[in-house]
Amino acid sequence: MAIRTLPETLQLIERIDTLIRHRATGTPDDMAEKLEVCRSTWFNYLRLLTDELQFPIDYDTDDQTYFYTAKGTFKCKCEVDRVRQNHQTAIVDAHKIGNFLCVFLP
């Protein structure tokens, strides 16, 4: 598989966010299939989201789906100043990727 561009990666993270918010991920194998990546690549993205971006993600073994342990959604904006003004109190664990600000907003 070719290396993803930043816009492709951000689009994939938005897809992951949607699946998690709807509790529609399924098992790790199901999630990898939905994202059209191999299982290890899914776990790499999961590690990025939980360890580096501090997304509050957990796995429900009974329902076999990933879910957020806190209410919120993924936001990524190129207009860093506008995002900071609109969400000053929420941006505690924001992370810059190039000119993009990535954050999980309550």
C-alpha atoms as a PDB file:
ATOM      1  CA  MET A   1       0.000   0.000   0.000  1.00  0.00           C
ATOM      2  CA  ALA A   2       1.257   3.464  -0.867  1.00  0.00           C
ATOM      3  CA  ILE A   3       1.955   6.029   1.834  1.00  0.00           C
ATOM      4  CA  ARG A   4      -1.085   8.213   2.474  1.00  0.00           C
ATOM      5  CA  THR A   5      -0.953  11.960   2.025  1.00  0.00           C
ATOM      6  CA  LEU A   6      -1.907  14.193   4.959  1.00  0.00           C
ATOM      7  CA  PRO A   7      -5.390  14.911   3.505  1.00  0.00           C
ATOM      8  CA  GLU A   8      -5.940  11.166   2.959  1.00  0.00           C
ATOM      9  CA  THR A   9      -4.823  10.416   6.511  1.00  0.00           C
ATOM     10  CA  LEU A  10      -7.100  13.089   7.963  1.00  0.00           C
ATOM     11  CA  GLN A  11     -10.005  11.742   5.916  1.00  0.00           C
ATOM     12  CA  LEU A  12      -9.310   8.254   7.261  1.00  0.00           C
ATOM     13  CA  ILE A  13      -9.224   9.582  10.840  1.00  0.00           C
ATOM     14  CA  GLU A  14     -12.581  11.295  10.225  1.00  0.00           C
ATOM     15  CA  ARG A  15     -13.965   7.925   9.034  1.00  0.00           C
ATOM     16  CA  ILE A  16     -12.566   6.231  12.145  1.00  0.00           C
ATOM     17  CA  ASP A  17     -14.167   8.937  14.319  1.00  0.00           C
ATOM     18  CA  THR A  18     -17.555   8.414  12.658  1.00  0.00           C
ATOM     19  CA  LEU A  19     -17.433   4.635  13.103  1.00  0.00           C
ATOM     20  CA  ILE A  20     -16.408   4.973  16.747  1.00  0.00           C
ATOM     21  CA  ARG A  21     -19.080   7.603  17.527  1.00  0.00           C
ATOM     22  CA  HIS A  22     -21.735   5.303  16.046  1.00  0.00           C
ATOM     23  CA  ARG A  23     -20.284   2.260  17.824  1.00  0.00           C
ATOM     24  CA  ALA A  24     -20.104   0.637  14.394  1.00  0.00           C
ATOM     25  CA  THR A  25     -16.484  -0.521  14.272  1.00  0.00           C
ATOM     26  CA  GLY A  26     -16.955  -4.206  14.971  1.00  0.00           C
ATOM     27  CA  THR A  27     -13.953  -6.278  15.955  1.00  0.00           C
ATOM     28  CA  PRO A  28     -10.407  -5.177  15.101  1.00  0.00           C
ATOM     29  CA  ASP A  29     -10.573  -7.368  11.975  1.00  0.00           C
ATOM     30  CA  ASP A  30     -13.936  -5.818  11.008  1.00  0.00           C
ATOM     31  CA  MET A  31     -12.555  -2.322  11.525  1.00  0.00           C
ATOM     32  CA  ALA A  32      -9.507  -3.026   9.376  1.00  0.00           C
ATOM     33  CA  GLU A  33     -11.792  -4.319   6.630  1.00  0.00           C
ATOM     34  CA  LYS A  34     -14.054  -1.245   6.842  1.00  0.00           C
ATOM     35  CA  LEU A  35     -11.009   1.017   6.548  1.00  0.00           C
ATOM     36  CA  GLU A  36      -9.512  -1.123   3.773  1.00  0.00           C
ATOM     37  CA  VAL A  37      -6.249  -1.551   5.686  1.00  0.00           C
ATOM     38  CA  CYS A  38      -4.575  -4.539   7.288  1.00  0.00           C
ATOM     39  CA  ARG A  39      -5.153  -5.260  10.968  1.00  0.00           C
ATOM     40  CA  SER A  40      -1.701  -4.043  12.029  1.00  0.00           C
ATOM     41  CA  THR A  41      -2.266  -0.743  10.206  1.00  0.00           C
ATOM     42  CA  TRP A  42      -5.563  -0.292  12.088  1.00  0.00           C
ATOM     43  CA  PHE A  43      -3.690  -0.834  15.367  1.00  0.00           C
ATOM     44  CA  ASN A  44      -1.079   1.744  14.290  1.00  0.00           C
ATOM     45  CA  TYR A  45      -3.869   4.296  13.734  1.00  0.00           C
ATOM     46  CA  LEU A  46      -5.469   3.342  17.043  1.00  0.00           C
ATOM     47  CA  ARG A  47      -2.142   3.889  18.794  1.00  0.00           C
ATOM     48  CA  LEU A  48      -1.771   7.286  17.082  1.00  0.00           C
ATOM     49  CA  LEU A  49      -5.258   8.321  18.212  1.00  0.00           C
ATOM     50  CA  THR A  50      -5.004   7.092  21.797  1.00  0.00           C
ATOM     51  CA  ASP A  51      -1.329   7.666  22.616  1.00  0.00           C
ATOM     52  CA  GLU A  52      -0.386  10.727  20.570  1.00  0.00           C
ATOM     53  CA  LEU A  53      -3.700  12.561  20.090  1.00  0.00           C
ATOM     54  CA  GLN A  54      -5.166  11.454  23.445  1.00  0.00           C
ATOM     55  CA  PHE A  55      -8.528  10.320  22.031  1.00  0.00           C
ATOM     56  CA  PRO A  56     -10.556   8.614  24.808  1.00  0.00           C
ATOM     57  CA  ILE A  57     -11.102   5.301  22.971  1.00  0.00           C
ATOM     58  CA  ASP A  58     -11.873   1.946  24.553  1.00  0.00           C
ATOM     59  CA  TYR A  59     -13.165  -1.420  23.322  1.00  0.00           C
ATOM     60  CA  ASP A  60     -16.409  -3.081  24.454  1.00  0.00           C
ATOM     61  CA  THR A  61     -15.812  -6.834  24.391  1.00  0.00           C
ATOM     62  CA  ASP A  62     -19.526  -7.614  24.837  1.00  0.00           C
ATOM     63  CA  ASP A  63     -20.704  -5.435  21.926  1.00  0.00           C
ATOM     64  CA  GLN A  64     -17.447  -5.990  20.007  1.00  0.00           C
ATOM     65  CA  THR A  65     -16.962  -2.350  19.081  1.00  0.00           C
ATOM     66  CA  TYR A  66     -14.706   0.581  19.881  1.00  0.00           C
ATOM     67  CA  PHE A  67     -16.293   3.554  21.613  1.00  0.00           C
ATOM     68  CA  TYR A  68     -15.423   6.923  23.123  1.00  0.00           C
ATOM     69  CA  THR A  69     -15.282   7.022  26.914  1.00  0.00           C
ATOM     70  CA  ALA A  70     -16.158  10.743  26.774  1.00  0.00           C
ATOM     71  CA  LYS A  71     -18.511  12.703  24.537  1.00  0.00           C
ATOM     72  CA  GLY A  72     -16.848  14.589  21.718  1.00  0.00           C
ATOM     73  CA  THR A  73     -15.703  14.460  18.119  1.00  0.00           C
ATOM     74  CA  PHE A  74     -12.541  14.795  16.069  1.00  0.00           C
ATOM     75  CA  LYS A  75     -11.813  18.239  14.620  1.00  0.00           C
ATOM     76  CA  CYS A  76      -8.922  19.218  12.430  1.00  0.00           C
ATOM     77  CA  LYS A  77      -8.608  22.769  11.180  1.00  0.00           C
ATOM     78  CA  CYS A  78      -6.007  24.598   9.202  1.00  0.00           C
ATOM     79  CA  GLU A  79      -7.172  27.905  10.684  1.00  0.00           C
ATOM     80  CA  VAL A  80      -5.438  27.419  14.008  1.00  0.00           C
ATOM     81  CA  ASP A  81      -6.262  30.875  15.415  1.00  0.00           C
ATOM     82  CA  ARG A  82      -9.992  30.521  14.680  1.00  0.00           C
ATOM     83  CA  VAL A  83     -10.126  27.070  16.305  1.00  0.00           C
ATOM     84  CA  ARG A  84      -8.314  28.383  19.374  1.00  0.00           C
ATOM     85  CA  GLN A  85     -10.756  31.302  19.707  1.00  0.00           C
ATOM     86  CA  ASN A  86     -13.849  29.137  19.307  1.00  0.00           C
ATOM     87  CA  HIS A  87     -12.706  26.390  21.663  1.00  0.00           C
ATOM     88  CA  GLN A  88     -10.252  28.045  24.056  1.00  0.00           C
ATOM     89  CA  THR A  89     -11.241  26.009  27.092  1.00  0.00           C
ATOM     90  CA  ALA A  90     -11.424  22.715  25.203  1.00  0.00           C
ATOM     91  CA  ILE A  91      -7.950  22.895  23.695  1.00  0.00           C
ATOM     92  CA  VAL A  92      -5.852  21.359  26.383  1.00  0.00           C
ATOM     93  CA  ASP A  93      -4.431  18.405  24.475  1.00  0.00           C
ATOM     94  CA  ALA A  94      -4.423  19.806  20.934  1.00  0.00           C
ATOM     95  CA  HIS A  95      -1.731  18.575  18.600  1.00  0.00           C
ATOM     96  CA  LYS A  96      -0.307  20.361  15.578  1.00  0.00           C
ATOM     97  CA  ILE A  97       0.424  18.412  12.444  1.00  0.00           C
ATOM     98  CA  GLY A  98       2.044  20.857  10.072  1.00  0.00           C
ATOM     99  CA  ASN A  99      -0.397  23.757   9.786  1.00  0.00           C
ATOM    100  CA  PHE A 100      -3.246  21.614  11.098  1.00  0.00           C
ATOM    101  CA  LEU A 101      -4.538  21.546  14.645  1.00  0.00           C
ATOM    102  CA  CYS A 102      -6.014  18.200  15.607  1.00  0.00           C
ATOM    103  CA  VAL A 103      -8.105  17.868  18.732  1.00  0.00           C
ATOM    104  CA  PHE A 104     -10.876  15.817  20.311  1.00  0.00           C
ATOM    105  CA  LEU A 105     -13.526  18.356  21.348  1.00  0.00           C
ATOM    106  CA  PRO A 106     -16.152  17.725  24.002  1.00  0.00           C
END
